[in-house]
Each structure stands twice: as structure tokens, then as C-alpha cells.
């Protein structure tokens, strides 16, 4: 059963300016493994985190490092959750998160579906 959906889009040039202007921004938004990625991939990961927040209807008490965008064995994107986010998902009965990301033509986009088991 779908519990929420979220989508976000990031302008790559604007994201690049923000990261360049504020060097510690990447450290605040991404865990170390994520920061190794090229800028378009970072922008897509930021969009993924924003889309997740939208799918959940908010993020009170959750920090950027509580969610990490990872790839599974087949290379498909997904989330690894930590701390307050793991607790929030459990409290809301969210059992699965689905993620799709892309970047092209100067933008990065992500779409998230949050699911819970049917009652």
C-alpha cells in the first residue's frame, strides 16, 4: 500500500554554485561515500533525499546523514537509513522505499514511493 510519494528536481548549475560558494555544504548533506561522486550524481542524491522527505510528509528530527543513497547488487538506487529516520519509518509503518533518479540537460531529478504493508 502506498503511504506517500515525493519528487524533486535540482538545477545542476545552481547546485554547483551553492556547493562552490559553501565548501562545507557537501559535508552537511552527504555521508563520506556519497561525497566521492561527481556533481551530477550528488545533485541527484540531494533530489532523492528531498523527494524522500516529501514522500514522508516532513522530516522533523531527521538529519541529512540519517539517509544515504546507495546502489544494490544490480546497481539500482535505494536508501540506507540511520538514526532518527529509521525510527520515523518504523513509527509510520513504512516497510519499503522505492527510488528512481536521473540527471540530464542541466537538471537532476528523483522520485520516491514509500510503502507500508496493507492492514
PDB file of N, CA and C in Angstrom:
ATOM      1  N   UNK A   1       0.841  -1.155   0.000  1.00  0.00           N
ATOM      2  CA  UNK A   1       0.000   0.000   0.000  1.00  0.00           C
ATOM      3  C   UNK A   1       0.902   1.239   0.000  1.00  0.00           C
ATOM      4  N   UNK A   2       0.629   2.184  -0.882  1.00  0.00           N
ATOM      5  CA  UNK A   2       1.426   3.406  -0.972  1.00  0.00           C
ATOM      6  C   UNK A   2       1.100   4.317   0.205  1.00  0.00           C
ATOM      7  N   UNK A   3       2.135   4.708   0.917  1.00  0.00           N
ATOM      8  CA  UNK A   3       1.980   5.611   2.056  1.00  0.00           C
ATOM      9  C   UNK A   3       2.318   7.047   1.684  1.00  0.00           C
ATOM     10  N   UNK A   4       3.117   7.222   0.630  1.00  0.00           N
ATOM     11  CA  UNK A   4       3.481   8.563   0.195  1.00  0.00           C
ATOM     12  C   UNK A   4       4.342   8.530  -1.040  1.00  0.00           C
ATOM     13  N   UNK A   5       4.309   9.626  -1.788  1.00  0.00           N
ATOM     14  CA  UNK A   5       5.181   9.787  -2.953  1.00  0.00           C
ATOM     15  C   UNK A   5       5.839  11.158  -2.868  1.00  0.00           C
ATOM     16  N   UNK A   6       6.997  11.268  -3.465  1.00  0.00           N
ATOM     17  CA  UNK A   6       7.690  12.545  -3.484  1.00  0.00           C
ATOM     18  C   UNK A   6       8.547  12.654  -4.722  1.00  0.00           C
ATOM     19  N   UNK A   7       8.677  13.877  -5.210  1.00  0.00           N
ATOM     20  CA  UNK A   7       9.521  14.150  -6.373  1.00  0.00           C
ATOM     21  C   UNK A   7      10.282  15.439  -6.109  1.00  0.00           C
ATOM     22  N   UNK A   8      11.493  15.518  -6.639  1.00  0.00           N
ATOM     23  CA  UNK A   8      12.269  16.742  -6.510  1.00  0.00           C
ATOM     24  C   UNK A   8      13.157  16.885  -7.734  1.00  0.00           C
ATOM     25  N   UNK A   9      13.416  18.123  -8.104  1.00  0.00           N
ATOM     26  CA  UNK A   9      14.286  18.440  -9.237  1.00  0.00           C
ATOM     27  C   UNK A   9      15.295  19.475  -8.787  1.00  0.00           C
ATOM     28  N   UNK A  10      16.531  19.331  -9.247  1.00  0.00           N
ATOM     29  CA  UNK A  10      17.626  20.214  -8.866  1.00  0.00           C
ATOM     30  C   UNK A  10      18.290  20.754 -10.128  1.00  0.00           C
ATOM     31  N   UNK A  11      18.449  22.067 -10.192  1.00  0.00           N
ATOM     32  CA  UNK A  11      19.178  22.704 -11.284  1.00  0.00           C
ATOM     33  C   UNK A  11      20.678  22.497 -11.023  1.00  0.00           C
ATOM     34  N   UNK A  12      21.369  21.841 -11.946  1.00  0.00           N
ATOM     35  CA  UNK A  12      22.773  21.497 -11.721  1.00  0.00           C
ATOM     36  C   UNK A  12      23.663  22.729 -11.565  1.00  0.00           C
ATOM     37  N   UNK A  13      23.447  23.757 -12.365  1.00  0.00           N
ATOM     38  CA  UNK A  13      24.275  24.968 -12.261  1.00  0.00           C
ATOM     39  C   UNK A  13      24.069  25.641 -10.909  1.00  0.00           C
ATOM     40  N   UNK A  14      22.836  25.733 -10.468  1.00  0.00           N
ATOM     41  CA  UNK A  14      22.543  26.346  -9.165  1.00  0.00           C
ATOM     42  C   UNK A  14      23.145  25.514  -8.031  1.00  0.00           C
ATOM     43  N   UNK A  15      23.026  24.191  -8.127  1.00  0.00           N
ATOM     44  CA  UNK A  15      23.600  23.302  -7.114  1.00  0.00           C
ATOM     45  C   UNK A  15      25.124  23.461  -7.076  1.00  0.00           C
ATOM     46  N   UNK A  16      25.754  23.517  -8.235  1.00  0.00           N
ATOM     47  CA  UNK A  16      27.199  23.704  -8.317  1.00  0.00           C
ATOM     48  C   UNK A  16      27.618  25.023  -7.659  1.00  0.00           C
ATOM     49  N   UNK A  17      26.881  26.097  -7.917  1.00  0.00           N
ATOM     50  CA  UNK A  17      27.192  27.384  -7.291  1.00  0.00           C
ATOM     51  C   UNK A  17      27.081  27.289  -5.767  1.00  0.00           C
ATOM     52  N   UNK A  18      26.036  26.644  -5.283  1.00  0.00           N
ATOM     53  CA  UNK A  18      25.837  26.518  -3.837  1.00  0.00           C
ATOM     54  C   UNK A  18      26.968  25.729  -3.187  1.00  0.00           C
ATOM     55  N   UNK A  19      27.365  24.632  -3.810  1.00  0.00           N
ATOM     56  CA  UNK A  19      28.442  23.796  -3.264  1.00  0.00           C
ATOM     57  C   UNK A  19      29.780  24.537  -3.342  1.00  0.00           C
ATOM     58  N   UNK A  20      30.004  25.259  -4.425  1.00  0.00           N
ATOM     59  CA  UNK A  20      31.256  26.015  -4.579  1.00  0.00           C
ATOM     60  C   UNK A  20      31.330  27.182  -3.606  1.00  0.00           C
ATOM     61  N   UNK A  21      30.226  27.846  -3.393  1.00  0.00           N
ATOM     62  CA  UNK A  21      30.172  29.019  -2.515  1.00  0.00           C
ATOM     63  C   UNK A  21      30.273  28.635  -1.040  1.00  0.00           C
ATOM     64  N   UNK A  22      29.756  27.449  -0.697  1.00  0.00           N
ATOM     65  CA  UNK A  22      29.745  26.988   0.695  1.00  0.00           C
ATOM     66  C   UNK A  22      30.437  25.629   0.752  1.00  0.00           C
ATOM     67  N   UNK A  23      31.752  25.617   0.896  1.00  0.00           N
ATOM     68  CA  UNK A  23      32.516  24.365   0.824  1.00  0.00           C
ATOM     69  C   UNK A  23      32.044  23.274   1.786  1.00  0.00           C
ATOM     70  N   UNK A  24      31.554  23.613   2.961  1.00  0.00           N
ATOM     71  CA  UNK A  24      31.139  22.592   3.936  1.00  0.00           C
ATOM     72  C   UNK A  24      29.738  22.052   3.662  1.00  0.00           C
ATOM     73  N   UNK A  25      29.059  22.606   2.663  1.00  0.00           N
ATOM     74  CA  UNK A  25      27.701  22.163   2.342  1.00  0.00           C
ATOM     75  C   UNK A  25      27.675  20.669   2.023  1.00  0.00           C
ATOM     76  N   UNK A  26      28.609  20.212   1.218  1.00  0.00           N
ATOM     77  CA  UNK A  26      28.648  18.780   0.869  1.00  0.00           C
ATOM     78  C   UNK A  26      28.799  17.912   2.103  1.00  0.00           C
ATOM     79  N   UNK A  27      29.613  18.360   3.058  1.00  0.00           N
ATOM     80  CA  UNK A  27      29.796  17.587   4.289  1.00  0.00           C
ATOM     81  C   UNK A  27      28.521  17.534   5.111  1.00  0.00           C
ATOM     82  N   UNK A  28      27.723  18.605   5.082  1.00  0.00           N
ATOM     83  CA  UNK A  28      26.457  18.622   5.833  1.00  0.00           C
ATOM     84  C   UNK A  28      25.393  17.756   5.175  1.00  0.00           C
ATOM     85  N   UNK A  29      25.393  17.690   3.842  1.00  0.00           N
ATOM     86  CA  UNK A  29      24.325  16.999   3.113  1.00  0.00           C
ATOM     87  C   UNK A  29      24.584  15.519   2.868  1.00  0.00           C
ATOM     88  N   UNK A  30      25.860  15.135   2.755  1.00  0.00           N
ATOM     89  CA  UNK A  30      26.188  13.788   2.286  1.00  0.00           C
ATOM     90  C   UNK A  30      27.166  13.083   3.214  1.00  0.00           C
ATOM     91  N   UNK A  31      27.001  11.757   3.337  1.00  0.00           N
ATOM     92  CA  UNK A  31      27.984  10.959   4.058  1.00  0.00           C
ATOM     93  C   UNK A  31      29.230  10.829   3.178  1.00  0.00           C
ATOM     94  N   UNK A  32      30.327  10.405   3.766  1.00  0.00           N
ATOM     95  CA  UNK A  32      31.615  10.367   3.064  1.00  0.00           C
ATOM     96  C   UNK A  32      31.542   9.598   1.740  1.00  0.00           C
ATOM     97  N   UNK A  33      30.914   8.447   1.724  1.00  0.00           N
ATOM     98  CA  UNK A  33      30.840   7.640   0.499  1.00  0.00           C
ATOM     99  C   UNK A  33      30.094   8.372  -0.615  1.00  0.00           C
ATOM    100  N   UNK A  34      29.084   9.143  -0.259  1.00  0.00           N
ATOM    101  CA  UNK A  34      28.336   9.890  -1.274  1.00  0.00           C
ATOM    102  C   UNK A  34      29.175  11.030  -1.853  1.00  0.00           C
ATOM    103  N   UNK A  35      29.976  11.662  -1.022  1.00  0.00           N
ATOM    104  CA  UNK A  35      30.756  12.829  -1.458  1.00  0.00           C
ATOM    105  C   UNK A  35      31.798  12.486  -2.514  1.00  0.00           C
ATOM    106  N   UNK A  36      32.092  11.218  -2.706  1.00  0.00           N
ATOM    107  CA  UNK A  36      33.062  10.797  -3.722  1.00  0.00           C
ATOM    108  C   UNK A  36      32.484  10.857  -5.132  1.00  0.00           C
ATOM    109  N   UNK A  37      31.185  11.054  -5.261  1.00  0.00           N
ATOM    110  CA  UNK A  37      30.502  11.035  -6.557  1.00  0.00           C
ATOM    111  C   UNK A  37      30.692  12.360  -7.297  1.00  0.00           C
ATOM    112  N   UNK A  38      30.552  12.353  -8.634  1.00  0.00           N
ATOM    113  CA  UNK A  38      30.619  13.599  -9.399  1.00  0.00           C
ATOM    114  C   UNK A  38      29.392  14.484  -9.124  1.00  0.00           C
ATOM    115  N   UNK A  39      29.511  15.760  -9.432  1.00  0.00           N
ATOM    116  CA  UNK A  39      28.478  16.734  -9.109  1.00  0.00           C
ATOM    117  C   UNK A  39      27.072  16.339  -9.585  1.00  0.00           C
ATOM    118  N   UNK A  40      26.883  15.877 -10.835  1.00  0.00           N
ATOM    119  CA  UNK A  40      25.514  15.495 -11.236  1.00  0.00           C
ATOM    120  C   UNK A  40      24.924  14.389 -10.364  1.00  0.00           C
ATOM    121  N   UNK A  41      25.759  13.442  -9.945  1.00  0.00           N
ATOM    122  CA  UNK A  41      25.282  12.373  -9.066  1.00  0.00           C
ATOM    123  C   UNK A  41      24.964  12.899  -7.676  1.00  0.00           C
ATOM    124  N   UNK A  42      25.756  13.856  -7.191  1.00  0.00           N
ATOM    125  CA  UNK A  42      25.454  14.475  -5.899  1.00  0.00           C
ATOM    126  C   UNK A  42      24.125  15.215  -5.957  1.00  0.00           C
ATOM    127  N   UNK A  43      23.908  15.935  -7.035  1.00  0.00           N
ATOM    128  CA  UNK A  43      22.645  16.669  -7.186  1.00  0.00           C
ATOM    129  C   UNK A  43      21.463  15.705  -7.212  1.00  0.00           C
ATOM    130  N   UNK A  44      21.617  14.562  -7.885  1.00  0.00           N
ATOM    131  CA  UNK A  44      20.544  13.562  -7.929  1.00  0.00           C
ATOM    132  C   UNK A  44      20.307  12.987  -6.530  1.00  0.00           C
ATOM    133  N   UNK A  45      21.365  12.797  -5.775  1.00  0.00           N
ATOM    134  CA  UNK A  45      21.230  12.286  -4.403  1.00  0.00           C
ATOM    135  C   UNK A  45      20.550  13.313  -3.496  1.00  0.00           C
ATOM    136  N   UNK A  46      20.862  14.586  -3.690  1.00  0.00           N
ATOM    137  CA  UNK A  46      20.177  15.622  -2.932  1.00  0.00           C
ATOM    138  C   UNK A  46      18.685  15.620  -3.291  1.00  0.00           C
ATOM    139  N   UNK A  47      18.370  15.506  -4.578  1.00  0.00           N
ATOM    140  CA  UNK A  47      16.973  15.428  -5.015  1.00  0.00           C
ATOM    141  C   UNK A  47      16.291  14.213  -4.397  1.00  0.00           C
ATOM    142  N   UNK A  48      17.012  13.086  -4.299  1.00  0.00           N
ATOM    143  CA  UNK A  48      16.447  11.870  -3.707  1.00  0.00           C
ATOM    144  C   UNK A  48      16.093  12.087  -2.239  1.00  0.00           C
ATOM    145  N   UNK A  49      16.983  12.746  -1.506  1.00  0.00           N
ATOM    146  CA  UNK A  49      16.727  12.997  -0.090  1.00  0.00           C
ATOM    147  C   UNK A  49      15.540  13.946   0.080  1.00  0.00           C
ATOM    148  N   UNK A  50      15.467  14.967  -0.759  1.00  0.00           N
ATOM    149  CA  UNK A  50      14.332  15.894  -0.713  1.00  0.00           C
ATOM    150  C   UNK A  50      13.024  15.181  -1.082  1.00  0.00           C
ATOM    151  N   UNK A  51      13.073  14.334  -2.104  1.00  0.00           N
ATOM    152  CA  UNK A  51      11.881  13.587  -2.512  1.00  0.00           C
ATOM    153  C   UNK A  51      11.421  12.644  -1.404  1.00  0.00           C
ATOM    154  N   UNK A  52      12.367  12.049  -0.685  1.00  0.00           N
ATOM    155  CA  UNK A  52      12.014  11.180   0.435  1.00  0.00           C
ATOM    156  C   UNK A  52      11.289  11.969   1.523  1.00  0.00           C
ATOM    157  N   UNK A  53      11.806  13.138   1.845  1.00  0.00           N
ATOM    158  CA  UNK A  53      11.157  13.988   2.844  1.00  0.00           C
ATOM    159  C   UNK A  53       9.718  14.302   2.418  1.00  0.00           C
ATOM    160  N   UNK A  54       9.528  14.584   1.153  1.00  0.00           N
ATOM    161  CA  UNK A  54       8.182  14.878   0.645  1.00  0.00           C
ATOM    162  C   UNK A  54       7.289  13.643   0.727  1.00  0.00           C
ATOM    163  N   UNK A  55       7.839  12.483   0.399  1.00  0.00           N
ATOM    164  CA  UNK A  55       7.047  11.249   0.464  1.00  0.00           C
ATOM    165  C   UNK A  55       6.609  10.950   1.894  1.00  0.00           C
ATOM    166  N   UNK A  56       7.435  11.349   2.853  1.00  0.00           N
ATOM    167  CA  UNK A  56       7.115  11.106   4.262  1.00  0.00           C
ATOM    168  C   UNK A  56       6.257  12.212   4.863  1.00  0.00           C
ATOM    169  N   UNK A  57       6.093  13.300   4.137  1.00  0.00           N
ATOM    170  CA  UNK A  57       5.278  14.406   4.641  1.00  0.00           C
ATOM    171  C   UNK A  57       5.995  15.266   5.666  1.00  0.00           C
ATOM    172  N   UNK A  58       7.319  15.201   5.683  1.00  0.00           N
ATOM    173  CA  UNK A  58       8.093  16.018   6.604  1.00  0.00           C
ATOM    174  C   UNK A  58       9.247  15.238   7.182  1.00  0.00           C
ATOM    175  N   UNK A  59      10.106  15.961   7.889  1.00  0.00           N
ATOM    176  CA  UNK A  59      11.324  15.324   8.378  1.00  0.00           C
ATOM    177  C   UNK A  59      11.742  15.816   9.761  1.00  0.00           C
ATOM    178  N   UNK A  60      10.795  16.170  10.582  1.00  0.00           N
ATOM    179  CA  UNK A  60      11.130  16.696  11.904  1.00  0.00           C
ATOM    180  C   UNK A  60      12.020  15.724  12.667  1.00  0.00           C
ATOM    181  N   UNK A  61      13.163  16.220  13.118  1.00  0.00           N
ATOM    182  CA  UNK A  61      14.094  15.408  13.891  1.00  0.00           C
ATOM    183  C   UNK A  61      15.059  14.586  13.064  1.00  0.00           C
ATOM    184  N   UNK A  62      14.893  14.584  11.755  1.00  0.00           N
ATOM    185  CA  UNK A  62      15.750  13.801  10.865  1.00  0.00           C
ATOM    186  C   UNK A  62      16.861  14.710  10.330  1.00  0.00           C
ATOM    187  N   UNK A  63      18.070  14.159  10.238  1.00  0.00           N
ATOM    188  CA  UNK A  63      19.216  14.908   9.733  1.00  0.00           C
ATOM    189  C   UNK A  63      19.655  14.333   8.384  1.00  0.00           C
ATOM    190  N   UNK A  64      20.391  15.134   7.621  1.00  0.00           N
ATOM    191  CA  UNK A  64      20.814  14.720   6.284  1.00  0.00           C
ATOM    192  C   UNK A  64      21.593  13.413   6.308  1.00  0.00           C
ATOM    193  N   UNK A  65      22.394  13.186   7.327  1.00  0.00           N
ATOM    194  CA  UNK A  65      23.205  11.966   7.383  1.00  0.00           C
ATOM    195  C   UNK A  65      22.400  10.751   7.843  1.00  0.00           C
ATOM    196  N   UNK A  66      21.128  10.947   8.172  1.00  0.00           N
ATOM    197  CA  UNK A  66      20.268   9.817   8.531  1.00  0.00           C
ATOM    198  C   UNK A  66      19.817   9.040   7.304  1.00  0.00           C
ATOM    199  N   UNK A  67      20.067   9.588   6.126  1.00  0.00           N
ATOM    200  CA  UNK A  67      19.706   8.898   4.884  1.00  0.00           C
ATOM    201  C   UNK A  67      20.889   8.940   3.928  1.00  0.00           C
ATOM    202  N   UNK A  68      21.164   7.786   3.349  1.00  0.00           N
ATOM    203  CA  UNK A  68      22.272   7.633   2.411  1.00  0.00           C
ATOM    204  C   UNK A  68      21.720   6.961   1.155  1.00  0.00           C
ATOM    205  N   UNK A  69      22.062   7.500   0.003  1.00  0.00           N
ATOM    206  CA  UNK A  69      21.649   6.889  -1.256  1.00  0.00           C
ATOM    207  C   UNK A  69      22.725   5.879  -1.649  1.00  0.00           C
ATOM    208  N   UNK A  70      22.299   4.647  -1.858  1.00  0.00           N
ATOM    209  CA  UNK A  70      23.206   3.542  -2.170  1.00  0.00           C
ATOM    210  C   UNK A  70      22.682   2.790  -3.395  1.00  0.00           C
ATOM    211  N   UNK A  71      23.523   1.905  -3.911  1.00  0.00           N
ATOM    212  CA  UNK A  71      23.114   1.036  -5.019  1.00  0.00           C
ATOM    213  C   UNK A  71      23.100  -0.404  -4.520  1.00  0.00           C
ATOM    214  N   UNK A  72      22.111  -1.178  -4.994  1.00  0.00           N
ATOM    215  CA  UNK A  72      22.065  -2.590  -4.614  1.00  0.00           C
ATOM    216  C   UNK A  72      23.003  -3.396  -5.516  1.00  0.00           C
ATOM    217  N   UNK A  73      22.980  -4.708  -5.392  1.00  0.00           N
ATOM    218  CA  UNK A  73      23.888  -5.577  -6.139  1.00  0.00           C
ATOM    219  C   UNK A  73      23.718  -5.448  -7.651  1.00  0.00           C
ATOM    220  N   UNK A  74      22.521  -5.064  -8.088  1.00  0.00           N
ATOM    221  CA  UNK A  74      22.263  -4.893  -9.521  1.00  0.00           C
ATOM    222  C   UNK A  74      22.543  -3.465  -9.988  1.00  0.00           C
ATOM    223  N   UNK A  75      22.920  -2.591  -9.061  1.00  0.00           N
ATOM    224  CA  UNK A  75      23.194  -1.197  -9.416  1.00  0.00           C
ATOM    225  C   UNK A  75      21.994  -0.271  -9.318  1.00  0.00           C
ATOM    226  N   UNK A  76      20.861  -0.797  -8.837  1.00  0.00           N
ATOM    227  CA  UNK A  76      19.660   0.024  -8.703  1.00  0.00           C
ATOM    228  C   UNK A  76      19.754   0.878  -7.440  1.00  0.00           C
ATOM    229  N   UNK A  77      19.299   2.136  -7.516  1.00  0.00           N
ATOM    230  CA  UNK A  77      19.414   3.017  -6.350  1.00  0.00           C
ATOM    231  C   UNK A  77      18.405   2.681  -5.260  1.00  0.00           C
ATOM    232  N   UNK A  78      18.791   2.994  -4.052  1.00  0.00           N
ATOM    233  CA  UNK A  78      17.920   2.806  -2.899  1.00  0.00           C
ATOM    234  C   UNK A  78      18.452   3.627  -1.744  1.00  0.00           C
ATOM    235  N   UNK A  79      17.860   3.443  -0.588  1.00  0.00           N
ATOM    236  CA  UNK A  79      18.259   4.192   0.601  1.00  0.00           C
ATOM    237  C   UNK A  79      18.806   3.266   1.671  1.00  0.00           C
ATOM    238  N   UNK A  80      19.784   3.760   2.407  1.00  0.00           N
ATOM    239  CA  UNK A  80      20.220   3.159   3.659  1.00  0.00           C
ATOM    240  C   UNK A  80      19.889   4.210   4.714  1.00  0.00           C
ATOM    241  N   UNK A  81      19.098   3.812   5.706  1.00  0.00           N
ATOM    242  CA  UNK A  81      18.665   4.784   6.707  1.00  0.00           C
ATOM    243  C   UNK A  81      19.396   4.562   8.026  1.00  0.00           C
ATOM    244  N   UNK A  82      19.491   5.643   8.789  1.00  0.00           N
ATOM    245  CA  UNK A  82      20.186   5.619  10.071  1.00  0.00           C
ATOM    246  C   UNK A  82      19.381   6.444  11.073  1.00  0.00           C
ATOM    247  N   UNK A  83      19.644   6.212  12.342  1.00  0.00           N
ATOM    248  CA  UNK A  83      19.155   7.075  13.417  1.00  0.00           C
ATOM    249  C   UNK A  83      17.682   7.415  13.392  1.00  0.00           C
ATOM    250  N   UNK A  84      17.400   8.714  13.469  1.00  0.00           N
ATOM    251  CA  UNK A  84      16.032   9.211  13.595  1.00  0.00           C
ATOM    252  C   UNK A  84      15.158   8.824  12.404  1.00  0.00           C
ATOM    253  N   UNK A  85      15.749   8.724  11.221  1.00  0.00           N
ATOM    254  CA  UNK A  85      14.942   8.356  10.056  1.00  0.00           C
ATOM    255  C   UNK A  85      14.466   6.913  10.156  1.00  0.00           C
ATOM    256  N   UNK A  86      15.327   6.021  10.598  1.00  0.00           N
ATOM    257  CA  UNK A  86      14.926   4.622  10.778  1.00  0.00           C
ATOM    258  C   UNK A  86      13.765   4.536  11.767  1.00  0.00           C
ATOM    259  N   UNK A  87      13.854   5.301  12.846  1.00  0.00           N
ATOM    260  CA  UNK A  87      12.786   5.323  13.845  1.00  0.00           C
ATOM    261  C   UNK A  87      11.497   5.896  13.268  1.00  0.00           C
ATOM    262  N   UNK A  88      11.605   6.971  12.478  1.00  0.00           N
ATOM    263  CA  UNK A  88      10.429   7.594  11.866  1.00  0.00           C
ATOM    264  C   UNK A  88       9.726   6.633  10.916  1.00  0.00           C
ATOM    265  N   UNK A  89      10.498   5.925  10.099  1.00  0.00           N
ATOM    266  CA  UNK A  89       9.906   4.953   9.170  1.00  0.00           C
ATOM    267  C   UNK A  89       9.155   3.870   9.938  1.00  0.00           C
ATOM    268  N   UNK A  90       9.757   3.362  10.992  1.00  0.00           N
ATOM    269  CA  UNK A  90       9.108   2.326  11.795  1.00  0.00           C
ATOM    270  C   UNK A  90       7.829   2.855  12.437  1.00  0.00           C
ATOM    271  N   UNK A  91       7.880   4.065  12.966  1.00  0.00           N
ATOM    272  CA  UNK A  91       6.711   4.650  13.625  1.00  0.00           C
ATOM    273  C   UNK A  91       5.556   4.851  12.645  1.00  0.00           C
ATOM    274  N   UNK A  92       5.891   5.119  11.392  1.00  0.00           N
ATOM    275  CA  UNK A  92       4.844   5.334  10.373  1.00  0.00           C
ATOM    276  C   UNK A  92       4.480   4.057   9.632  1.00  0.00           C
ATOM    277  N   UNK A  93       5.117   2.955   9.987  1.00  0.00           N
ATOM    278  CA  UNK A  93       4.809   1.675   9.358  1.00  0.00           C
ATOM    279  C   UNK A  93       5.333   1.544   7.942  1.00  0.00           C
ATOM    280  N   UNK A  94       6.305   2.370   7.572  1.00  0.00           N
ATOM    281  CA  UNK A  94       6.886   2.308   6.228  1.00  0.00           C
ATOM    282  C   UNK A  94       7.825   1.102   6.175  1.00  0.00           C
ATOM    283  N   UNK A  95       7.546   0.191   5.252  1.00  0.00           N
ATOM    284  CA  UNK A  95       8.330  -1.036   5.155  1.00  0.00           C
ATOM    285  C   UNK A  95       9.222  -1.086   3.912  1.00  0.00           C
ATOM    286  N   UNK A  96       8.910  -0.282   2.901  1.00  0.00           N
ATOM    287  CA  UNK A  96       9.693  -0.273   1.668  1.00  0.00           C
ATOM    288  C   UNK A  96       9.778   1.141   1.106  1.00  0.00           C
ATOM    289  N   UNK A  97      10.950   1.463   0.550  1.00  0.00           N
ATOM    290  CA  UNK A  97      11.159   2.726  -0.144  1.00  0.00           C
ATOM    291  C   UNK A  97      11.664   2.414  -1.547  1.00  0.00           C
ATOM    292  N   UNK A  98      11.079   3.054  -2.537  1.00  0.00           N
ATOM    293  CA  UNK A  98      11.493   2.874  -3.931  1.00  0.00           C
ATOM    294  C   UNK A  98      12.035   4.202  -4.433  1.00  0.00           C
ATOM    295  N   UNK A  99      13.140   4.157  -5.179  1.00  0.00           N
ATOM    296  CA  UNK A  99      13.803   5.368  -5.641  1.00  0.00           C
ATOM    297  C   UNK A  99      14.179   5.261  -7.105  1.00  0.00           C
ATOM    298  N   UNK A 100      13.902   6.319  -7.847  1.00  0.00           N
ATOM    299  CA  UNK A 100      14.384   6.465  -9.216  1.00  0.00           C
ATOM    300  C   UNK A 100      15.040   7.830  -9.324  1.00  0.00           C
ATOM    301  N   UNK A 101      16.222   7.883  -9.947  1.00  0.00           N
ATOM    302  CA  UNK A 101      16.958   9.138 -10.105  1.00  0.00           C
ATOM    303  C   UNK A 101      17.443   9.260 -11.549  1.00  0.00           C
ATOM    304  N   UNK A 102      17.625  10.519 -11.969  1.00  0.00           N
ATOM    305  CA  UNK A 102      18.205  10.779 -13.282  1.00  0.00           C
ATOM    306  C   UNK A 102      18.860  12.144 -13.271  1.00  0.00           C
ATOM    307  N   UNK A 103      19.788  12.354 -14.186  1.00  0.00           N
ATOM    308  CA  UNK A 103      20.324  13.693 -14.420  1.00  0.00           C
ATOM    309  C   UNK A 103      20.670  13.816 -15.895  1.00  0.00           C
ATOM    310  N   UNK A 104      20.227  14.942 -16.485  1.00  0.00           N
ATOM    311  CA  UNK A 104      20.452  15.204 -17.900  1.00  0.00           C
ATOM    312  C   UNK A 104      20.032  16.638 -18.187  1.00  0.00           C
ATOM    313  N   UNK A 105      20.615  17.226 -19.199  1.00  0.00           N
ATOM    314  CA  UNK A 105      20.205  18.549 -19.693  1.00  0.00           C
ATOM    315  C   UNK A 105      20.164  19.612 -18.593  1.00  0.00           C
ATOM    316  N   UNK A 106      21.125  19.544 -17.681  1.00  0.00           N
ATOM    317  CA  UNK A 106      21.246  20.580 -16.673  1.00  0.00           C
ATOM    318  C   UNK A 106      20.380  20.426 -15.442  1.00  0.00           C
ATOM    319  N   UNK A 107      19.702  19.282 -15.304  1.00  0.00           N
ATOM    320  CA  UNK A 107      18.880  19.052 -14.113  1.00  0.00           C
ATOM    321  C   UNK A 107      19.094  17.638 -13.585  1.00  0.00           C
ATOM    322  N   UNK A 108      18.821  17.478 -12.302  1.00  0.00           N
ATOM    323  CA  UNK A 108      18.790  16.160 -11.673  1.00  0.00           C
ATOM    324  C   UNK A 108      17.400  16.012 -11.068  1.00  0.00           C
ATOM    325  N   UNK A 109      16.862  14.801 -11.124  1.00  0.00           N
ATOM    326  CA  UNK A 109      15.507  14.569 -10.646  1.00  0.00           C
ATOM    327  C   UNK A 109      15.458  13.238  -9.903  1.00  0.00           C
ATOM    328  N   UNK A 110      14.591  13.186  -8.892  1.00  0.00           N
ATOM    329  CA  UNK A 110      14.395  11.940  -8.154  1.00  0.00           C
ATOM    330  C   UNK A 110      12.922  11.775  -7.821  1.00  0.00           C
ATOM    331  N   UNK A 111      12.491  10.526  -7.792  1.00  0.00           N
ATOM    332  CA  UNK A 111      11.111  10.164  -7.468  1.00  0.00           C
ATOM    333  C   UNK A 111      11.154   9.059  -6.426  1.00  0.00           C
ATOM    334  N   UNK A 112      10.355   9.205  -5.359  1.00  0.00           N
ATOM    335  CA  UNK A 112      10.339   8.229  -4.264  1.00  0.00           C
ATOM    336  C   UNK A 112       8.916   7.777  -3.997  1.00  0.00           C
ATOM    337  N   UNK A 113       8.760   6.490  -3.764  1.00  0.00           N
ATOM    338  CA  UNK A 113       7.497   5.920  -3.303  1.00  0.00           C
ATOM    339  C   UNK A 113       7.775   5.226  -1.977  1.00  0.00           C
ATOM    340  N   UNK A 114       6.988   5.594  -0.971  1.00  0.00           N
ATOM    341  CA  UNK A 114       7.070   4.954   0.337  1.00  0.00           C
ATOM    342  C   UNK A 114       5.876   4.016   0.486  1.00  0.00           C
ATOM    343  N   UNK A 115       6.135   2.794   0.917  1.00  0.00           N
ATOM    344  CA  UNK A 115       5.067   1.792   1.061  1.00  0.00           C
ATOM    345  C   UNK A 115       4.980   1.309   2.511  1.00  0.00           C
ATOM    346  N   UNK A 116       3.772   0.909   2.880  1.00  0.00           N
ATOM    347  CA  UNK A 116       3.568   0.188   4.138  1.00  0.00           C
ATOM    348  C   UNK A 116       2.759  -1.064   3.794  1.00  0.00           C
ATOM    349  N   UNK A 117       2.823  -2.057   4.653  1.00  0.00           N
ATOM    350  CA  UNK A 117       2.057  -3.268   4.437  1.00  0.00           C
ATOM    351  C   UNK A 117       0.571  -2.963   4.571  1.00  0.00           C
ATOM    352  N   UNK A 118      -0.229  -3.654   3.777  1.00  0.00           N
ATOM    353  CA  UNK A 118      -1.683  -3.458   3.841  1.00  0.00           C
ATOM    354  C   UNK A 118      -2.202  -3.887   5.214  1.00  0.00           C
ATOM    355  N   UNK A 119      -3.199  -3.167   5.742  1.00  0.00           N
ATOM    356  CA  UNK A 119      -3.728  -3.523   7.064  1.00  0.00           C
ATOM    357  C   UNK A 119      -4.427  -4.869   7.081  1.00  0.00           C
TER     358      UNK A 119
END
